[in-house]
């Protein structure tokens, strides 16, 4: 689910394009961004927050 979303570099996200040598990688749409955000929240829901005493 998030592998395609994660298969990008911050530079590509900032520039809004992917170098031609890497082929055509679609921009993540709003639905994919929401799915990624929700997945990360579920993935780390039982983890202690950084800096907590747990």
N, C-alpha and C. Protein backbone atom coordinates (compact mmCIF):
# COMPACT_ATOMS: atom_id res chain seq x y z
N UNK A 1 0.83 -1.19 0.00
CA UNK A 1 0.00 0.00 0.00
C UNK A 1 0.88 1.26 0.00
N UNK A 2 1.87 1.33 0.87
CA UNK A 2 2.68 2.54 0.91
C UNK A 2 3.98 2.41 0.14
N UNK A 3 4.26 1.25 -0.41
CA UNK A 3 5.53 1.07 -1.11
C UNK A 3 5.66 2.02 -2.29
N UNK A 4 4.63 2.16 -3.09
CA UNK A 4 4.70 3.08 -4.23
C UNK A 4 4.81 4.52 -3.75
N UNK A 5 4.13 4.84 -2.67
CA UNK A 5 4.20 6.19 -2.12
C UNK A 5 5.61 6.48 -1.61
N UNK A 6 6.23 5.50 -0.97
CA UNK A 6 7.57 5.67 -0.40
C UNK A 6 8.66 5.60 -1.47
N UNK A 7 8.33 5.14 -2.65
CA UNK A 7 9.32 4.96 -3.70
C UNK A 7 9.60 6.28 -4.42
N UNK A 8 9.81 7.33 -3.65
CA UNK A 8 10.09 8.66 -4.18
C UNK A 8 11.13 9.32 -3.29
N UNK A 9 11.83 10.31 -3.82
CA UNK A 9 12.80 11.03 -3.01
C UNK A 9 12.22 12.39 -2.63
N UNK A 10 12.69 13.00 -1.54
CA UNK A 10 12.21 14.33 -1.18
C UNK A 10 12.45 15.35 -2.30
N UNK A 11 13.56 15.19 -3.02
CA UNK A 11 13.85 16.11 -4.12
C UNK A 11 12.78 16.01 -5.20
N UNK A 12 12.36 14.79 -5.52
CA UNK A 12 11.32 14.61 -6.53
C UNK A 12 10.02 15.25 -6.06
N UNK A 13 9.69 15.09 -4.79
CA UNK A 13 8.47 15.69 -4.25
C UNK A 13 8.53 17.20 -4.31
N UNK A 14 9.70 17.77 -3.98
CA UNK A 14 9.86 19.23 -3.98
C UNK A 14 9.76 19.79 -5.39
N UNK A 15 10.40 19.13 -6.35
CA UNK A 15 10.40 19.61 -7.73
C UNK A 15 9.11 19.26 -8.47
N UNK A 16 8.39 18.25 -7.98
CA UNK A 16 7.14 17.86 -8.63
C UNK A 16 7.34 17.04 -9.90
N UNK A 17 8.54 16.52 -10.10
CA UNK A 17 8.79 15.69 -11.28
C UNK A 17 9.84 14.65 -10.95
N UNK A 18 9.88 13.60 -11.76
CA UNK A 18 10.82 12.51 -11.58
C UNK A 18 11.79 12.53 -12.75
N UNK A 19 13.10 12.35 -12.51
CA UNK A 19 14.05 12.31 -13.63
C UNK A 19 13.67 11.25 -14.65
N UNK A 20 13.87 11.55 -15.92
CA UNK A 20 13.43 10.64 -16.99
C UNK A 20 14.13 9.29 -16.93
N UNK A 21 15.32 9.21 -16.37
CA UNK A 21 16.03 7.94 -16.27
C UNK A 21 15.34 6.95 -15.35
N UNK A 22 14.46 7.42 -14.49
CA UNK A 22 13.74 6.57 -13.55
C UNK A 22 12.37 6.17 -14.09
N UNK A 23 12.03 6.59 -15.28
CA UNK A 23 10.73 6.24 -15.84
C UNK A 23 9.64 7.15 -15.29
N UNK A 24 8.42 6.81 -15.59
CA UNK A 24 7.28 7.63 -15.16
C UNK A 24 6.75 7.11 -13.83
N UNK A 25 6.90 7.92 -12.80
CA UNK A 25 6.35 7.60 -11.48
C UNK A 25 5.25 8.61 -11.23
N UNK A 26 4.04 8.11 -11.03
CA UNK A 26 2.90 9.00 -10.84
C UNK A 26 3.02 9.78 -9.55
N UNK A 27 2.52 11.01 -9.57
CA UNK A 27 2.44 11.83 -8.36
C UNK A 27 1.38 11.23 -7.45
N UNK A 28 1.61 11.18 -6.14
CA UNK A 28 0.58 10.66 -5.24
C UNK A 28 -0.59 11.64 -5.17
N UNK A 29 -1.79 11.11 -5.30
CA UNK A 29 -2.97 11.96 -5.21
C UNK A 29 -3.41 12.07 -3.75
N UNK A 30 -4.46 12.80 -3.51
CA UNK A 30 -4.93 13.05 -2.14
C UNK A 30 -5.30 11.75 -1.43
N UNK A 31 -5.95 10.83 -2.14
CA UNK A 31 -6.36 9.56 -1.53
C UNK A 31 -5.13 8.77 -1.07
N UNK A 32 -4.10 8.72 -1.90
CA UNK A 32 -2.89 7.98 -1.52
C UNK A 32 -2.17 8.64 -0.36
N UNK A 33 -2.18 9.97 -0.32
CA UNK A 33 -1.55 10.68 0.80
C UNK A 33 -2.30 10.40 2.10
N UNK A 34 -3.62 10.39 2.05
CA UNK A 34 -4.43 10.10 3.24
C UNK A 34 -4.21 8.65 3.68
N UNK A 35 -4.17 7.72 2.73
CA UNK A 35 -3.93 6.32 3.07
C UNK A 35 -2.57 6.15 3.74
N UNK A 36 -1.55 6.82 3.22
CA UNK A 36 -0.21 6.74 3.80
C UNK A 36 -0.20 7.31 5.22
N UNK A 37 -0.83 8.45 5.42
CA UNK A 37 -0.90 9.07 6.74
C UNK A 37 -1.60 8.15 7.73
N UNK A 38 -2.73 7.58 7.32
CA UNK A 38 -3.50 6.68 8.19
C UNK A 38 -2.70 5.42 8.50
N UNK A 39 -2.04 4.88 7.51
CA UNK A 39 -1.23 3.67 7.71
C UNK A 39 -0.12 3.93 8.72
N UNK A 40 0.57 5.07 8.61
CA UNK A 40 1.63 5.38 9.56
C UNK A 40 1.08 5.57 10.97
N UNK A 41 -0.08 6.19 11.10
CA UNK A 41 -0.69 6.36 12.43
C UNK A 41 -1.02 5.00 13.03
N UNK A 42 -1.56 4.09 12.24
CA UNK A 42 -1.87 2.75 12.74
C UNK A 42 -0.58 1.99 13.06
N UNK A 43 0.42 2.13 12.22
CA UNK A 43 1.68 1.40 12.38
C UNK A 43 2.37 1.76 13.70
N UNK A 44 2.31 3.02 14.09
CA UNK A 44 3.01 3.46 15.29
C UNK A 44 2.06 3.79 16.43
N UNK A 45 0.83 3.32 16.38
CA UNK A 45 -0.16 3.68 17.40
C UNK A 45 0.20 3.15 18.79
N UNK A 46 0.85 2.00 18.88
CA UNK A 46 1.21 1.43 20.18
C UNK A 46 2.62 1.82 20.63
N UNK A 47 3.30 2.61 19.84
CA UNK A 47 4.67 3.01 20.18
C UNK A 47 4.64 4.22 21.12
N UNK A 48 5.57 4.26 22.06
CA UNK A 48 5.64 5.45 22.92
C UNK A 48 6.12 6.66 22.11
N UNK A 49 5.65 7.83 22.48
CA UNK A 49 6.04 9.04 21.78
C UNK A 49 7.50 9.36 22.11
N UNK A 50 8.25 9.89 21.17
CA UNK A 50 9.65 10.22 21.44
C UNK A 50 9.75 11.21 22.61
N UNK A 51 10.66 10.93 23.52
CA UNK A 51 10.86 11.80 24.67
C UNK A 51 10.01 11.45 25.88
N UNK A 52 9.09 10.48 25.73
CA UNK A 52 8.27 10.09 26.88
C UNK A 52 9.06 9.14 27.78
N UNK A 53 8.57 8.92 28.98
CA UNK A 53 9.27 8.07 29.95
C UNK A 53 8.91 6.60 29.83
N UNK A 54 8.16 6.21 28.84
CA UNK A 54 7.75 4.81 28.69
C UNK A 54 8.81 3.99 28.05
